[in-house]
Amino acid sequence: LNKERWFLGLHNLNHVLKAARDQKDEGGDGERIGHRCMLAHGDIVEAKSFDPFTHVYMFDIGFPPHLFDTLAKMFKRSKS
């Protein structure tokens, strides 16, 4: 993972966390943005499945075909 993509992910996470904080400060009813959000830098193929992940944020530009096959198999093994 190159540095620019990691920083882009952190930038996006920062926006989600700020929106959750603003929502909390404003109060009110309705759906809320969860605040237990985190990013971890790693190689997803080291996981056996996507459990217990709820989201996997990745960039597919330039993924070789074997990686798409590996990710598809992981999705099939996952319950979440």
PDB file of N, CA and C in Angstrom:
ATOM      1  N   LEU A   1       0.859  -1.182   0.000  1.00  0.00           N
ATOM      2  CA  LEU A   1       0.000   0.000   0.000  1.00  0.00           C
ATOM      3  C   LEU A   1       0.891   1.225   0.000  1.00  0.00           C
ATOM      4  N   ASN A   2       0.674   2.083  -0.954  1.00  0.00           N
ATOM      5  CA  ASN A   2       1.518   3.268  -0.966  1.00  0.00           C
ATOM      6  C   ASN A   2       0.992   4.315   0.015  1.00  0.00           C
ATOM      7  N   LYS A   3       1.862   5.206   0.369  1.00  0.00           N
ATOM      8  CA  LYS A   3       1.592   6.208   1.401  1.00  0.00           C
ATOM      9  C   LYS A   3       0.384   7.081   1.061  1.00  0.00           C
ATOM     10  N   GLU A   4       0.230   7.455  -0.192  1.00  0.00           N
ATOM     11  CA  GLU A   4      -0.874   8.336  -0.579  1.00  0.00           C
ATOM     12  C   GLU A   4      -2.225   7.667  -0.345  1.00  0.00           C
ATOM     13  N   ARG A   5      -2.316   6.394  -0.641  1.00  0.00           N
ATOM     14  CA  ARG A   5      -3.586   5.689  -0.445  1.00  0.00           C
ATOM     15  C   ARG A   5      -3.904   5.540   1.039  1.00  0.00           C
ATOM     16  N   TRP A   6      -2.884   5.289   1.854  1.00  0.00           N
ATOM     17  CA  TRP A   6      -3.089   5.194   3.305  1.00  0.00           C
ATOM     18  C   TRP A   6      -3.602   6.525   3.833  1.00  0.00           C
ATOM     19  N   PHE A   7      -2.997   7.630   3.397  1.00  0.00           N
ATOM     20  CA  PHE A   7      -3.443   8.942   3.855  1.00  0.00           C
ATOM     21  C   PHE A   7      -4.846   9.265   3.357  1.00  0.00           C
ATOM     22  N   LEU A   8      -5.186   8.826   2.161  1.00  0.00           N
ATOM     23  CA  LEU A   8      -6.549   9.020   1.657  1.00  0.00           C
ATOM     24  C   LEU A   8      -7.548   8.282   2.554  1.00  0.00           C
ATOM     25  N   GLY A   9      -7.221   7.061   2.948  1.00  0.00           N
ATOM     26  CA  GLY A   9      -8.091   6.320   3.849  1.00  0.00           C
ATOM     27  C   GLY A   9      -8.252   7.024   5.186  1.00  0.00           C
ATOM     28  N   LEU A  10      -7.154   7.548   5.745  1.00  0.00           N
ATOM     29  CA  LEU A  10      -7.232   8.282   7.010  1.00  0.00           C
ATOM     30  C   LEU A  10      -8.047   9.562   6.858  1.00  0.00           C
ATOM     31  N   HIS A  11      -7.900  10.224   5.727  1.00  0.00           N
ATOM     32  CA  HIS A  11      -8.668  11.442   5.446  1.00  0.00           C
ATOM     33  C   HIS A  11     -10.167  11.125   5.443  1.00  0.00           C
ATOM     34  N   ASN A  12     -10.543  10.032   4.784  1.00  0.00           N
ATOM     35  CA  ASN A  12     -11.951   9.637   4.729  1.00  0.00           C
ATOM     36  C   ASN A  12     -12.472   9.250   6.112  1.00  0.00           C
ATOM     37  N   LEU A  13     -11.674   8.512   6.876  1.00  0.00           N
ATOM     38  CA  LEU A  13     -12.062   8.145   8.232  1.00  0.00           C
ATOM     39  C   LEU A  13     -12.266   9.389   9.092  1.00  0.00           C
ATOM     40  N   ASN A  14     -11.387  10.349   8.953  1.00  0.00           N
ATOM     41  CA  ASN A  14     -11.498  11.589   9.718  1.00  0.00           C
ATOM     42  C   ASN A  14     -12.833  12.286   9.455  1.00  0.00           C
ATOM     43  N   HIS A  15     -13.279  12.303   8.214  1.00  0.00           N
ATOM     44  CA  HIS A  15     -14.568  12.917   7.885  1.00  0.00           C
ATOM     45  C   HIS A  15     -15.732  12.171   8.536  1.00  0.00           C
ATOM     46  N   VAL A  16     -15.670  10.848   8.554  1.00  0.00           N
ATOM     47  CA  VAL A  16     -16.732  10.057   9.194  1.00  0.00           C
ATOM     48  C   VAL A  16     -16.764  10.340  10.689  1.00  0.00           C
ATOM     49  N   LEU A  17     -15.594  10.359  11.326  1.00  0.00           N
ATOM     50  CA  LEU A  17     -15.545  10.598  12.762  1.00  0.00           C
ATOM     51  C   LEU A  17     -16.009  12.007  13.127  1.00  0.00           C
ATOM     52  N   LYS A  18     -15.660  13.002  12.317  1.00  0.00           N
ATOM     53  CA  LYS A  18     -16.134  14.371  12.566  1.00  0.00           C
ATOM     54  C   LYS A  18     -17.647  14.452  12.423  1.00  0.00           C
ATOM     55  N   ALA A  19     -18.200  13.785  11.407  1.00  0.00           N
ATOM     56  CA  ALA A  19     -19.653  13.800  11.215  1.00  0.00           C
ATOM     57  C   ALA A  19     -20.348  13.124  12.388  1.00  0.00           C
ATOM     58  N   ALA A  20     -19.775  12.029  12.903  1.00  0.00           N
ATOM     59  CA  ALA A  20     -20.360  11.351  14.066  1.00  0.00           C
ATOM     60  C   ALA A  20     -20.306  12.260  15.292  1.00  0.00           C
ATOM     61  N   ARG A  21     -19.193  12.961  15.482  1.00  0.00           N
ATOM     62  CA  ARG A  21     -19.068  13.878  16.620  1.00  0.00           C
ATOM     63  C   ARG A  21     -20.077  15.016  16.502  1.00  0.00           C
ATOM     64  N   ASP A  22     -20.200  15.590  15.318  1.00  0.00           N
ATOM     65  CA  ASP A  22     -21.156  16.682  15.111  1.00  0.00           C
ATOM     66  C   ASP A  22     -22.583  16.215  15.366  1.00  0.00           C
ATOM     67  N   GLN A  23     -22.891  15.010  14.932  1.00  0.00           N
ATOM     68  CA  GLN A  23     -24.223  14.451  15.142  1.00  0.00           C
ATOM     69  C   GLN A  23     -24.490  14.289  16.637  1.00  0.00           C
ATOM     70  N   LYS A  24     -23.495  13.820  17.363  1.00  0.00           N
ATOM     71  CA  LYS A  24     -23.646  13.635  18.809  1.00  0.00           C
ATOM     72  C   LYS A  24     -23.847  14.979  19.497  1.00  0.00           C
ATOM     73  N   ASP A  25     -23.077  15.999  19.096  1.00  0.00           N
ATOM     74  CA  ASP A  25     -23.177  17.328  19.692  1.00  0.00           C
ATOM     75  C   ASP A  25     -24.534  17.972  19.439  1.00  0.00           C
ATOM     76  N   GLU A  26     -25.125  17.689  18.270  1.00  0.00           N
ATOM     77  CA  GLU A  26     -26.402  18.297  17.903  1.00  0.00           C
ATOM     78  C   GLU A  26     -27.581  17.611  18.584  1.00  0.00           C
ATOM     79  N   GLY A  27     -27.391  16.376  19.013  1.00  0.00           N
ATOM     80  CA  GLY A  27     -28.497  15.631  19.624  1.00  0.00           C
ATOM     81  C   GLY A  27     -29.520  15.245  18.577  1.00  0.00           C
ATOM     82  N   GLY A  28     -30.751  15.111  18.988  1.00  0.00           N
ATOM     83  CA  GLY A  28     -31.818  14.781  18.046  1.00  0.00           C
ATOM     84  C   GLY A  28     -32.020  13.286  17.908  1.00  0.00           C
ATOM     85  N   ASP A  29     -33.060  12.946  17.171  1.00  0.00           N
ATOM     86  CA  ASP A  29     -33.414  11.548  16.953  1.00  0.00           C
ATOM     87  C   ASP A  29     -32.996  11.119  15.559  1.00  0.00           C
ATOM     88  N   GLY A  30     -33.248   9.891  15.258  1.00  0.00           N
ATOM     89  CA  GLY A  30     -32.952   9.376  13.923  1.00  0.00           C
ATOM     90  C   GLY A  30     -31.708   8.503  13.928  1.00  0.00           C
ATOM     91  N   GLU A  31     -31.325   8.103  12.744  1.00  0.00           N
ATOM     92  CA  GLU A  31     -30.167   7.232  12.624  1.00  0.00           C
ATOM     93  C   GLU A  31     -28.891   7.976  12.977  1.00  0.00           C
ATOM     94  N   ARG A  32     -27.996   7.260  13.582  1.00  0.00           N
ATOM     95  CA  ARG A  32     -26.725   7.834  14.012  1.00  0.00           C
ATOM     96  C   ARG A  32     -25.573   7.140  13.303  1.00  0.00           C
ATOM     97  N   ILE A  33     -24.521   7.889  13.103  1.00  0.00           N
ATOM     98  CA  ILE A  33     -23.280   7.314  12.599  1.00  0.00           C
ATOM     99  C   ILE A  33     -22.586   6.647  13.777  1.00  0.00           C
ATOM    100  N   GLY A  34     -22.242   5.405  13.634  1.00  0.00           N
ATOM    101  CA  GLY A  34     -21.514   4.709  14.695  1.00  0.00           C
ATOM    102  C   GLY A  34     -20.136   5.330  14.885  1.00  0.00           C
ATOM    103  N   HIS A  35     -19.625   5.262  16.082  1.00  0.00           N
ATOM    104  CA  HIS A  35     -18.333   5.876  16.349  1.00  0.00           C
ATOM    105  C   HIS A  35     -17.257   4.857  16.716  1.00  0.00           C
ATOM    106  N   ARG A  36     -17.500   3.613  16.457  1.00  0.00           N
ATOM    107  CA  ARG A  36     -16.491   2.591  16.715  1.00  0.00           C
ATOM    108  C   ARG A  36     -15.776   2.236  15.418  1.00  0.00           C
ATOM    109  N   CYS A  37     -15.357   3.239  14.718  1.00  0.00           N
ATOM    110  CA  CYS A  37     -14.744   3.091  13.409  1.00  0.00           C
ATOM    111  C   CYS A  37     -13.220   3.139  13.542  1.00  0.00           C
ATOM    112  N   MET A  38     -12.539   2.294  12.823  1.00  0.00           N
ATOM    113  CA  MET A  38     -11.087   2.308  12.828  1.00  0.00           C
ATOM    114  C   MET A  38     -10.561   1.816  11.494  1.00  0.00           C
ATOM    115  N   LEU A  39      -9.362   2.196  11.185  1.00  0.00           N
ATOM    116  CA  LEU A  39      -8.667   1.672  10.010  1.00  0.00           C
ATOM    117  C   LEU A  39      -7.425   0.943  10.492  1.00  0.00           C
ATOM    118  N   ALA A  40      -7.134  -0.144   9.864  1.00  0.00           N
ATOM    119  CA  ALA A  40      -5.908  -0.877  10.159  1.00  0.00           C
ATOM    120  C   ALA A  40      -5.162  -1.078   8.852  1.00  0.00           C
ATOM    121  N   HIS A  41      -3.885  -0.835   8.877  1.00  0.00           N
ATOM    122  CA  HIS A  41      -3.062  -1.016   7.690  1.00  0.00           C
ATOM    123  C   HIS A  41      -2.558  -2.453   7.686  1.00  0.00           C
ATOM    124  N   GLY A  42      -2.897  -3.203   6.668  1.00  0.00           N
ATOM    125  CA  GLY A  42      -2.460  -4.584   6.616  1.00  0.00           C
ATOM    126  C   GLY A  42      -2.785  -5.219   5.284  1.00  0.00           C
ATOM    127  N   ASP A  43      -2.419  -6.463   5.163  1.00  0.00           N
ATOM    128  CA  ASP A  43      -2.677  -7.233   3.953  1.00  0.00           C
ATOM    129  C   ASP A  43      -3.878  -8.132   4.224  1.00  0.00           C
ATOM    130  N   ILE A  44      -5.006  -7.861   3.585  1.00  0.00           N
ATOM    131  CA  ILE A  44      -6.249  -8.585   3.856  1.00  0.00           C
ATOM    132  C   ILE A  44      -6.130 -10.072   3.541  1.00  0.00           C
ATOM    133  N   VAL A  45      -5.239 -10.448   2.651  1.00  0.00           N
ATOM    134  CA  VAL A  45      -5.123 -11.876   2.335  1.00  0.00           C
ATOM    135  C   VAL A  45      -4.511 -12.665   3.488  1.00  0.00           C
ATOM    136  N   GLU A  46      -4.009 -11.982   4.510  1.00  0.00           N
ATOM    137  CA  GLU A  46      -3.520 -12.683   5.697  1.00  0.00           C
ATOM    138  C   GLU A  46      -4.679 -13.148   6.580  1.00  0.00           C
ATOM    139  N   ALA A  47      -5.874 -12.619   6.360  1.00  0.00           N
ATOM    140  CA  ALA A  47      -7.061 -13.065   7.092  1.00  0.00           C
ATOM    141  C   ALA A  47      -7.640 -14.287   6.386  1.00  0.00           C
ATOM    142  N   LYS A  48      -8.236 -15.183   7.148  1.00  0.00           N
ATOM    143  CA  LYS A  48      -8.831 -16.381   6.545  1.00  0.00           C
ATOM    144  C   LYS A  48     -10.219 -16.091   5.972  1.00  0.00           C
ATOM    145  N   SER A  49     -10.903 -15.101   6.546  1.00  0.00           N
ATOM    146  CA  SER A  49     -12.218 -14.687   6.059  1.00  0.00           C
ATOM    147  C   SER A  49     -12.391 -13.210   6.416  1.00  0.00           C
ATOM    148  N   PHE A  50     -13.529 -12.664   6.070  1.00  0.00           N
ATOM    149  CA  PHE A  50     -13.808 -11.273   6.413  1.00  0.00           C
ATOM    150  C   PHE A  50     -14.475 -11.142   7.781  1.00  0.00           C
ATOM    151  N   ASP A  51     -14.690 -12.254   8.490  1.00  0.00           N
ATOM    152  CA  ASP A  51     -15.235 -12.200   9.841  1.00  0.00           C
ATOM    153  C   ASP A  51     -14.147 -11.727  10.792  1.00  0.00           C
ATOM    154  N   PRO A  52     -14.350 -10.834  11.679  1.00  0.00           N
ATOM    155  CA  PRO A  52     -15.583 -10.137  12.026  1.00  0.00           C
ATOM    156  C   PRO A  52     -15.686  -8.757  11.380  1.00  0.00           C
ATOM    157  N   PHE A  53     -14.970  -8.511  10.296  1.00  0.00           N
ATOM    158  CA  PHE A  53     -15.002  -7.195   9.663  1.00  0.00           C
ATOM    159  C   PHE A  53     -16.395  -6.881   9.133  1.00  0.00           C
ATOM    160  N   THR A  54     -16.812  -5.636   9.265  1.00  0.00           N
ATOM    161  CA  THR A  54     -18.065  -5.213   8.648  1.00  0.00           C
ATOM    162  C   THR A  54     -17.797  -4.516   7.327  1.00  0.00           C
ATOM    163  N   HIS A  55     -16.599  -3.940   7.178  1.00  0.00           N
ATOM    164  CA  HIS A  55     -16.206  -3.261   5.947  1.00  0.00           C
ATOM    165  C   HIS A  55     -14.721  -3.514   5.688  1.00  0.00           C
ATOM    166  N   VAL A  56     -14.387  -3.672   4.445  1.00  0.00           N
ATOM    167  CA  VAL A  56     -12.983  -3.744   4.047  1.00  0.00           C
ATOM    168  C   VAL A  56     -12.796  -2.661   3.001  1.00  0.00           C
ATOM    169  N   TYR A  57     -11.982  -1.695   3.335  1.00  0.00           N
ATOM    170  CA  TYR A  57     -11.742  -0.541   2.481  1.00  0.00           C
ATOM    171  C   TYR A  57     -10.447  -0.799   1.734  1.00  0.00           C
ATOM    172  N   MET A  58     -10.538  -0.961   0.425  1.00  0.00           N
ATOM    173  CA  MET A  58      -9.343  -1.285  -0.338  1.00  0.00           C
ATOM    174  C   MET A  58      -9.414  -0.644  -1.711  1.00  0.00           C
ATOM    175  N   PHE A  59      -8.303  -0.626  -2.336  1.00  0.00           N
ATOM    176  CA  PHE A  59      -8.193  -0.068  -3.672  1.00  0.00           C
ATOM    177  C   PHE A  59      -7.908  -1.204  -4.632  1.00  0.00           C
ATOM    178  N   ASP A  60      -8.710  -1.311  -5.679  1.00  0.00           N
ATOM    179  CA  ASP A  60      -8.546  -2.438  -6.595  1.00  0.00           C
ATOM    180  C   ASP A  60      -7.799  -2.085  -7.871  1.00  0.00           C
ATOM    181  N   ILE A  61      -7.317  -0.878  -7.981  1.00  0.00           N
ATOM    182  CA  ILE A  61      -6.577  -0.498  -9.186  1.00  0.00           C
ATOM    183  C   ILE A  61      -5.304  -1.331  -9.257  1.00  0.00           C
ATOM    184  N   GLY A  62      -5.178  -2.074 -10.303  1.00  0.00           N
ATOM    185  CA  GLY A  62      -3.973  -2.868 -10.503  1.00  0.00           C
ATOM    186  C   GLY A  62      -3.956  -4.194  -9.770  1.00  0.00           C
ATOM    187  N   PHE A  63      -5.100  -4.639  -9.206  1.00  0.00           N
ATOM    188  CA  PHE A  63      -5.117  -5.950  -8.547  1.00  0.00           C
ATOM    189  C   PHE A  63      -4.898  -7.028  -9.608  1.00  0.00           C
ATOM    190  N   PRO A  64      -4.013  -7.967  -9.356  1.00  0.00           N
ATOM    191  CA  PRO A  64      -3.870  -9.087 -10.296  1.00  0.00           C
ATOM    192  C   PRO A  64      -5.063 -10.035 -10.162  1.00  0.00           C
ATOM    193  N   PRO A  65      -5.380 -10.778 -11.217  1.00  0.00           N
ATOM    194  CA  PRO A  65      -6.544 -11.675 -11.186  1.00  0.00           C
ATOM    195  C   PRO A  65      -6.541 -12.653 -10.011  1.00  0.00           C
ATOM    196  N   HIS A  66      -5.380 -13.169  -9.613  1.00  0.00           N
ATOM    197  CA  HIS A  66      -5.353 -14.144  -8.512  1.00  0.00           C
ATOM    198  C   HIS A  66      -5.804 -13.504  -7.197  1.00  0.00           C
ATOM    199  N   LEU A  67      -5.604 -12.195  -7.032  1.00  0.00           N
ATOM    200  CA  LEU A  67      -6.049 -11.538  -5.811  1.00  0.00           C
ATOM    201  C   LEU A  67      -7.572 -11.433  -5.783  1.00  0.00           C
ATOM    202  N   PHE A  68      -8.183 -11.117  -6.912  1.00  0.00           N
ATOM    203  CA  PHE A  68      -9.647 -11.092  -6.970  1.00  0.00           C
ATOM    204  C   PHE A  68     -10.206 -12.477  -6.624  1.00  0.00           C
ATOM    205  N   ASP A  69      -9.568 -13.541  -7.113  1.00  0.00           N
ATOM    206  CA  ASP A  69     -10.002 -14.900  -6.809  1.00  0.00           C
ATOM    207  C   ASP A  69      -9.874 -15.186  -5.314  1.00  0.00           C
ATOM    208  N   THR A  70      -8.774 -14.788  -4.707  1.00  0.00           N
ATOM    209  CA  THR A  70      -8.564 -14.978  -3.270  1.00  0.00           C
ATOM    210  C   THR A  70      -9.623 -14.236  -2.469  1.00  0.00           C
ATOM    211  N   LEU A  71      -9.905 -12.982  -2.821  1.00  0.00           N
ATOM    212  CA  LEU A  71     -10.914 -12.186  -2.111  1.00  0.00           C
ATOM    213  C   LEU A  71     -12.304 -12.797  -2.257  1.00  0.00           C
ATOM    214  N   ALA A  72     -12.618 -13.312  -3.441  1.00  0.00           N
ATOM    215  CA  ALA A  72     -13.921 -13.946  -3.658  1.00  0.00           C
ATOM    216  C   ALA A  72     -14.075 -15.171  -2.758  1.00  0.00           C
ATOM    217  N   LYS A  73     -13.028 -15.967  -2.626  1.00  0.00           N
ATOM    218  CA  LYS A  73     -13.078 -17.142  -1.746  1.00  0.00           C
ATOM    219  C   LYS A  73     -13.254 -16.732  -0.288  1.00  0.00           C
ATOM    220  N   MET A  74     -12.605 -15.634   0.099  1.00  0.00           N
ATOM    221  CA  MET A  74     -12.760 -15.141   1.469  1.00  0.00           C
ATOM    222  C   MET A  74     -14.190 -14.699   1.734  1.00  0.00           C
ATOM    223  N   PHE A  75     -14.815 -14.009   0.763  1.00  0.00           N
ATOM    224  CA  PHE A  75     -16.215 -13.608   0.911  1.00  0.00           C
ATOM    225  C   PHE A  75     -17.103 -14.837   1.100  1.00  0.00           C
ATOM    226  N   LYS A  76     -16.859 -15.892   0.342  1.00  0.00           N
ATOM    227  CA  LYS A  76     -17.677 -17.102   0.449  1.00  0.00           C
ATOM    228  C   LYS A  76     -17.548 -17.750   1.822  1.00  0.00           C
ATOM    229  N   ARG A  77     -16.375 -17.657   2.454  1.00  0.00           N
ATOM    230  CA  ARG A  77     -16.161 -18.260   3.768  1.00  0.00           C
ATOM    231  C   ARG A  77     -16.692 -17.391   4.899  1.00  0.00           C
ATOM    232  N   SER A  78     -17.046 -16.157   4.612  1.00  0.00           N
ATOM    233  CA  SER A  78     -17.412 -15.191   5.651  1.00  0.00           C
ATOM    234  C   SER A  78     -18.901 -15.238   5.965  1.00  0.00           C
ATOM    235  N   LYS A  79     -19.214 -14.960   7.232  1.00  0.00           N
ATOM    236  CA  LYS A  79     -20.613 -14.907   7.671  1.00  0.00           C
ATOM    237  C   LYS A  79     -21.083 -13.467   7.833  1.00  0.00           C
ATOM    238  N   SER A  80     -20.146 -12.526   7.996  1.00  0.00           N
ATOM    239  CA  SER A  80     -20.552 -11.137   8.228  1.00  0.00           C
ATOM    240  C   SER A  80     -20.800 -10.409   6.922  1.00  0.00           C
TER     241      SER A  80
END
